[in-house]
Structure formats: structure tokens, C-alpha cells
Amino acid sequence: MNRADRTATPVRVISAWLDPAAWDGETEAGGVRVPAVVMASVALDEIVVRT
């Protein structure tokens, strides 16, 4: 991942999280279905570890 992508990805994710609907219901990633708030925590961990 290049430097521009490392900056743009967190910005896109944070922008999406500003929408209250992003925290409601369930979501799926990699065949795993979990509450959206749990997936947000996983995504945040990934951003912190990989950037």
C-alpha cells in the first residue's frame, strides 16, 4: 500500500462512520456476520495495526 492509500483509507472509513446508520444493524465481511458496532471495532484495529 502506498502512502496516499494509507492516508485515504482511514479518512474514507472515518467519513463513513459519521453516518449514524453505519452503527446500526449487522454487517458482513469475509463470510462473518456481526453487529455493525463490532465490525467497526475490528476495522479500527486493522487501521491502527496496518498504517
PDB file of N, CA and C in Angstrom:
ATOM      1  N   MET A   1       0.840  -1.168   0.000  1.00  0.00           N
ATOM      2  CA  MET A   1       0.000   0.000   0.000  1.00  0.00           C
ATOM      3  C   MET A   1       0.894   1.243   0.000  1.00  0.00           C
ATOM      4  N   ASN A   2       0.603   2.141  -0.910  1.00  0.00           N
ATOM      5  CA  ASN A   2       1.415   3.352  -0.973  1.00  0.00           C
ATOM      6  C   ASN A   2       0.955   4.384   0.064  1.00  0.00           C
ATOM      7  N   ARG A   3       1.745   5.420   0.227  1.00  0.00           N
ATOM      8  CA  ARG A   3       1.484   6.428   1.266  1.00  0.00           C
ATOM      9  C   ARG A   3       0.113   7.094   1.094  1.00  0.00           C
ATOM     10  N   ALA A   4      -0.260   7.391  -0.133  1.00  0.00           N
ATOM     11  CA  ALA A   4      -1.556   8.036  -0.384  1.00  0.00           C
ATOM     12  C   ALA A   4      -2.705   7.130   0.049  1.00  0.00           C
ATOM     13  N   ASP A   5      -2.603   5.839  -0.243  1.00  0.00           N
ATOM     14  CA  ASP A   5      -3.645   4.896   0.168  1.00  0.00           C
ATOM     15  C   ASP A   5      -3.711   4.780   1.685  1.00  0.00           C
ATOM     16  N   ARG A   6      -2.557   4.788   2.343  1.00  0.00           N
ATOM     17  CA  ARG A   6      -2.548   4.681   3.816  1.00  0.00           C
ATOM     18  C   ARG A   6      -3.244   5.875   4.449  1.00  0.00           C
ATOM     19  N   THR A   7      -3.219   7.015   3.794  1.00  0.00           N
ATOM     20  CA  THR A   7      -3.896   8.199   4.308  1.00  0.00           C
ATOM     21  C   THR A   7      -5.369   8.196   3.911  1.00  0.00           C
ATOM     22  N   ALA A   8      -5.658   7.853   2.680  1.00  0.00           N
ATOM     23  CA  ALA A   8      -7.026   7.924   2.168  1.00  0.00           C
ATOM     24  C   ALA A   8      -7.941   6.896   2.815  1.00  0.00           C
ATOM     25  N   THR A   9      -7.456   5.699   3.066  1.00  0.00           N
ATOM     26  CA  THR A   9      -8.310   4.645   3.606  1.00  0.00           C
ATOM     27  C   THR A   9      -8.903   5.025   4.963  1.00  0.00           C
ATOM     28  N   PRO A  10      -8.102   5.428   5.941  1.00  0.00           N
ATOM     29  CA  PRO A  10      -8.708   5.832   7.220  1.00  0.00           C
ATOM     30  C   PRO A  10      -9.678   7.000   7.082  1.00  0.00           C
ATOM     31  N   VAL A  11      -9.375   7.932   6.205  1.00  0.00           N
ATOM     32  CA  VAL A  11     -10.261   9.085   6.010  1.00  0.00           C
ATOM     33  C   VAL A  11     -11.606   8.620   5.459  1.00  0.00           C
ATOM     34  N   ARG A  12     -11.603   7.703   4.505  1.00  0.00           N
ATOM     35  CA  ARG A  12     -12.859   7.181   3.952  1.00  0.00           C
ATOM     36  C   ARG A  12     -13.655   6.444   5.017  1.00  0.00           C
ATOM     37  N   VAL A  13     -12.983   5.628   5.820  1.00  0.00           N
ATOM     38  CA  VAL A  13     -13.673   4.868   6.865  1.00  0.00           C
ATOM     39  C   VAL A  13     -14.271   5.803   7.905  1.00  0.00           C
ATOM     40  N   ILE A  14     -13.496   6.771   8.353  1.00  0.00           N
ATOM     41  CA  ILE A  14     -13.994   7.702   9.366  1.00  0.00           C
ATOM     42  C   ILE A  14     -15.168   8.501   8.817  1.00  0.00           C
ATOM     43  N   SER A  15     -15.081   8.905   7.568  1.00  0.00           N
ATOM     44  CA  SER A  15     -16.188   9.641   6.947  1.00  0.00           C
ATOM     45  C   SER A  15     -17.460   8.791   6.938  1.00  0.00           C
ATOM     46  N   ALA A  16     -17.332   7.531   6.625  1.00  0.00           N
ATOM     47  CA  ALA A  16     -18.493   6.632   6.611  1.00  0.00           C
ATOM     48  C   ALA A  16     -19.073   6.478   8.012  1.00  0.00           C
ATOM     49  N   TRP A  17     -18.217   6.442   9.019  1.00  0.00           N
ATOM     50  CA  TRP A  17     -18.687   6.272  10.401  1.00  0.00           C
ATOM     51  C   TRP A  17     -19.429   7.485  10.933  1.00  0.00           C
ATOM     52  N   LEU A  18     -19.326   8.632  10.274  1.00  0.00           N
ATOM     53  CA  LEU A  18     -20.055   9.816  10.705  1.00  0.00           C
ATOM     54  C   LEU A  18     -21.563   9.661  10.504  1.00  0.00           C
ATOM     55  N   ASP A  19     -21.958   8.771   9.628  1.00  0.00           N
ATOM     56  CA  ASP A  19     -23.372   8.491   9.384  1.00  0.00           C
ATOM     57  C   ASP A  19     -23.883   7.565  10.496  1.00  0.00           C
ATOM     58  N   PRO A  20     -24.857   7.995  11.297  1.00  0.00           N
ATOM     59  CA  PRO A  20     -25.348   7.156  12.390  1.00  0.00           C
ATOM     60  C   PRO A  20     -25.832   5.779  11.932  1.00  0.00           C
ATOM     61  N   ALA A  21     -26.302   5.678  10.706  1.00  0.00           N
ATOM     62  CA  ALA A  21     -26.773   4.389  10.192  1.00  0.00           C
ATOM     63  C   ALA A  21     -25.642   3.365  10.089  1.00  0.00           C
ATOM     64  N   ALA A  22     -24.405   3.830  10.035  1.00  0.00           N
ATOM     65  CA  ALA A  22     -23.259   2.914   9.945  1.00  0.00           C
ATOM     66  C   ALA A  22     -23.128   2.060  11.198  1.00  0.00           C
ATOM     67  N   TRP A  23     -23.708   2.489  12.296  1.00  0.00           N
ATOM     68  CA  TRP A  23     -23.587   1.793  13.580  1.00  0.00           C
ATOM     69  C   TRP A  23     -24.771   0.875  13.854  1.00  0.00           C
ATOM     70  N   ASP A  24     -25.783   0.883  13.000  1.00  0.00           N
ATOM     71  CA  ASP A  24     -26.993   0.093  13.209  1.00  0.00           C
ATOM     72  C   ASP A  24     -26.949  -1.225  12.458  1.00  0.00           C
ATOM     73  N   GLY A  25     -27.643  -2.198  12.987  1.00  0.00           N
ATOM     74  CA  GLY A  25     -27.824  -3.466  12.297  1.00  0.00           C
ATOM     75  C   GLY A  25     -26.587  -4.341  12.306  1.00  0.00           C
ATOM     76  N   GLU A  26     -26.531  -5.195  11.297  1.00  0.00           N
ATOM     77  CA  GLU A  26     -25.411  -6.118  11.152  1.00  0.00           C
ATOM     78  C   GLU A  26     -24.705  -5.864   9.833  1.00  0.00           C
ATOM     79  N   THR A  27     -23.482  -6.337   9.758  1.00  0.00           N
ATOM     80  CA  THR A  27     -22.701  -6.230   8.532  1.00  0.00           C
ATOM     81  C   THR A  27     -21.917  -7.516   8.352  1.00  0.00           C
ATOM     82  N   GLU A  28     -21.374  -7.714   7.177  1.00  0.00           N
ATOM     83  CA  GLU A  28     -20.665  -8.955   6.873  1.00  0.00           C
ATOM     84  C   GLU A  28     -19.337  -8.652   6.203  1.00  0.00           C
ATOM     85  N   ALA A  29     -18.332  -9.396   6.614  1.00  0.00           N
ATOM     86  CA  ALA A  29     -17.015  -9.303   5.982  1.00  0.00           C
ATOM     87  C   ALA A  29     -16.362 -10.677   6.055  1.00  0.00           C
ATOM     88  N   GLY A  30     -15.890 -11.144   4.942  1.00  0.00           N
ATOM     89  CA  GLY A  30     -15.219 -12.442   4.914  1.00  0.00           C
ATOM     90  C   GLY A  30     -16.120 -13.591   5.319  1.00  0.00           C
ATOM     91  N   GLY A  31     -17.424 -13.453   5.075  1.00  0.00           N
ATOM     92  CA  GLY A  31     -18.364 -14.508   5.418  1.00  0.00           C
ATOM     93  C   GLY A  31     -18.797 -14.513   6.876  1.00  0.00           C
ATOM     94  N   VAL A  32     -18.324 -13.546   7.649  1.00  0.00           N
ATOM     95  CA  VAL A  32     -18.689 -13.450   9.065  1.00  0.00           C
ATOM     96  C   VAL A  32     -19.695 -12.315   9.229  1.00  0.00           C
ATOM     97  N   ARG A  33     -20.831 -12.617   9.845  1.00  0.00           N
ATOM     98  CA  ARG A  33     -21.868 -11.607  10.059  1.00  0.00           C
ATOM     99  C   ARG A  33     -21.890 -11.247  11.549  1.00  0.00           C
ATOM    100  N   VAL A  34     -21.724  -9.956  11.846  1.00  0.00           N
ATOM    101  CA  VAL A  34     -21.680  -9.473  13.228  1.00  0.00           C
ATOM    102  C   VAL A  34     -22.367  -8.112  13.311  1.00  0.00           C
ATOM    103  N   PRO A  35     -22.686  -7.664  14.533  1.00  0.00           N
ATOM    104  CA  PRO A  35     -23.240  -6.310  14.668  1.00  0.00           C
ATOM    105  C   PRO A  35     -22.278  -5.262  14.093  1.00  0.00           C
ATOM    106  N   ALA A  36     -22.840  -4.230  13.502  1.00  0.00           N
ATOM    107  CA  ALA A  36     -22.022  -3.192  12.860  1.00  0.00           C
ATOM    108  C   ALA A  36     -21.043  -2.555  13.836  1.00  0.00           C
ATOM    109  N   VAL A  37     -21.446  -2.381  15.073  1.00  0.00           N
ATOM    110  CA  VAL A  37     -20.568  -1.748  16.052  1.00  0.00           C
ATOM    111  C   VAL A  37     -19.344  -2.629  16.338  1.00  0.00           C
ATOM    112  N   VAL A  38     -19.511  -3.940  16.284  1.00  0.00           N
ATOM    113  CA  VAL A  38     -18.379  -4.860  16.476  1.00  0.00           C
ATOM    114  C   VAL A  38     -17.436  -4.777  15.278  1.00  0.00           C
ATOM    115  N   MET A  39     -18.000  -4.758  14.075  1.00  0.00           N
ATOM    116  CA  MET A  39     -17.167  -4.682  12.875  1.00  0.00           C
ATOM    117  C   MET A  39     -16.389  -3.369  12.839  1.00  0.00           C
ATOM    118  N   ALA A  40     -16.984  -2.297  13.340  1.00  0.00           N
ATOM    119  CA  ALA A  40     -16.270  -1.019  13.399  1.00  0.00           C
ATOM    120  C   ALA A  40     -15.041  -1.137  14.280  1.00  0.00           C
ATOM    121  N   SER A  41     -15.157  -1.849  15.374  1.00  0.00           N
ATOM    122  CA  SER A  41     -14.019  -2.056  16.269  1.00  0.00           C
ATOM    123  C   SER A  41     -12.923  -2.861  15.576  1.00  0.00           C
ATOM    124  N   VAL A  42     -13.317  -3.878  14.852  1.00  0.00           N
ATOM    125  CA  VAL A  42     -12.350  -4.686  14.103  1.00  0.00           C
ATOM    126  C   VAL A  42     -11.658  -3.830  13.041  1.00  0.00           C
ATOM    127  N   ALA A  43     -12.439  -3.032  12.331  1.00  0.00           N
ATOM    128  CA  ALA A  43     -11.868  -2.172  11.285  1.00  0.00           C
ATOM    129  C   ALA A  43     -10.892  -1.157  11.884  1.00  0.00           C
ATOM    130  N   LEU A  44     -11.245  -0.580  13.010  1.00  0.00           N
ATOM    131  CA  LEU A  44     -10.356   0.379  13.659  1.00  0.00           C
ATOM    132  C   LEU A  44      -9.046  -0.289  14.068  1.00  0.00           C
ATOM    133  N   ASP A  45      -9.127  -1.486  14.620  1.00  0.00           N
ATOM    134  CA  ASP A  45      -7.906  -2.228  14.969  1.00  0.00           C
ATOM    135  C   ASP A  45      -7.032  -2.441  13.736  1.00  0.00           C
ATOM    136  N   GLU A  46      -7.642  -2.819  12.628  1.00  0.00           N
ATOM    137  CA  GLU A  46      -6.887  -3.052  11.399  1.00  0.00           C
ATOM    138  C   GLU A  46      -6.208  -1.770  10.912  1.00  0.00           C
ATOM    139  N   ILE A  47      -6.916  -0.656  11.000  1.00  0.00           N
ATOM    140  CA  ILE A  47      -6.332   0.620  10.563  1.00  0.00           C
ATOM    141  C   ILE A  47      -5.122   0.961  11.426  1.00  0.00           C
ATOM    142  N   VAL A  48      -5.277   0.807  12.723  1.00  0.00           N
ATOM    143  CA  VAL A  48      -4.181   1.145  13.643  1.00  0.00           C
ATOM    144  C   VAL A  48      -2.969   0.244  13.418  1.00  0.00           C
ATOM    145  N   VAL A  49      -3.202  -1.048  13.259  1.00  0.00           N
ATOM    146  CA  VAL A  49      -2.103  -2.002  13.109  1.00  0.00           C
ATOM    147  C   VAL A  49      -1.416  -1.849  11.761  1.00  0.00           C
ATOM    148  N   ARG A  50      -2.164  -1.575  10.714  1.00  0.00           N
ATOM    149  CA  ARG A  50      -1.591  -1.643   9.361  1.00  0.00           C
ATOM    150  C   ARG A  50      -1.187  -0.296   8.767  1.00  0.00           C
ATOM    151  N   THR A  51      -1.381   0.809   9.487  1.00  0.00           N
ATOM    152  CA  THR A  51      -0.984   2.100   8.913  1.00  0.00           C
ATOM    153  C   THR A  51       0.153   2.709   9.713  1.00  0.00           C
TER     154      THR A  51
END
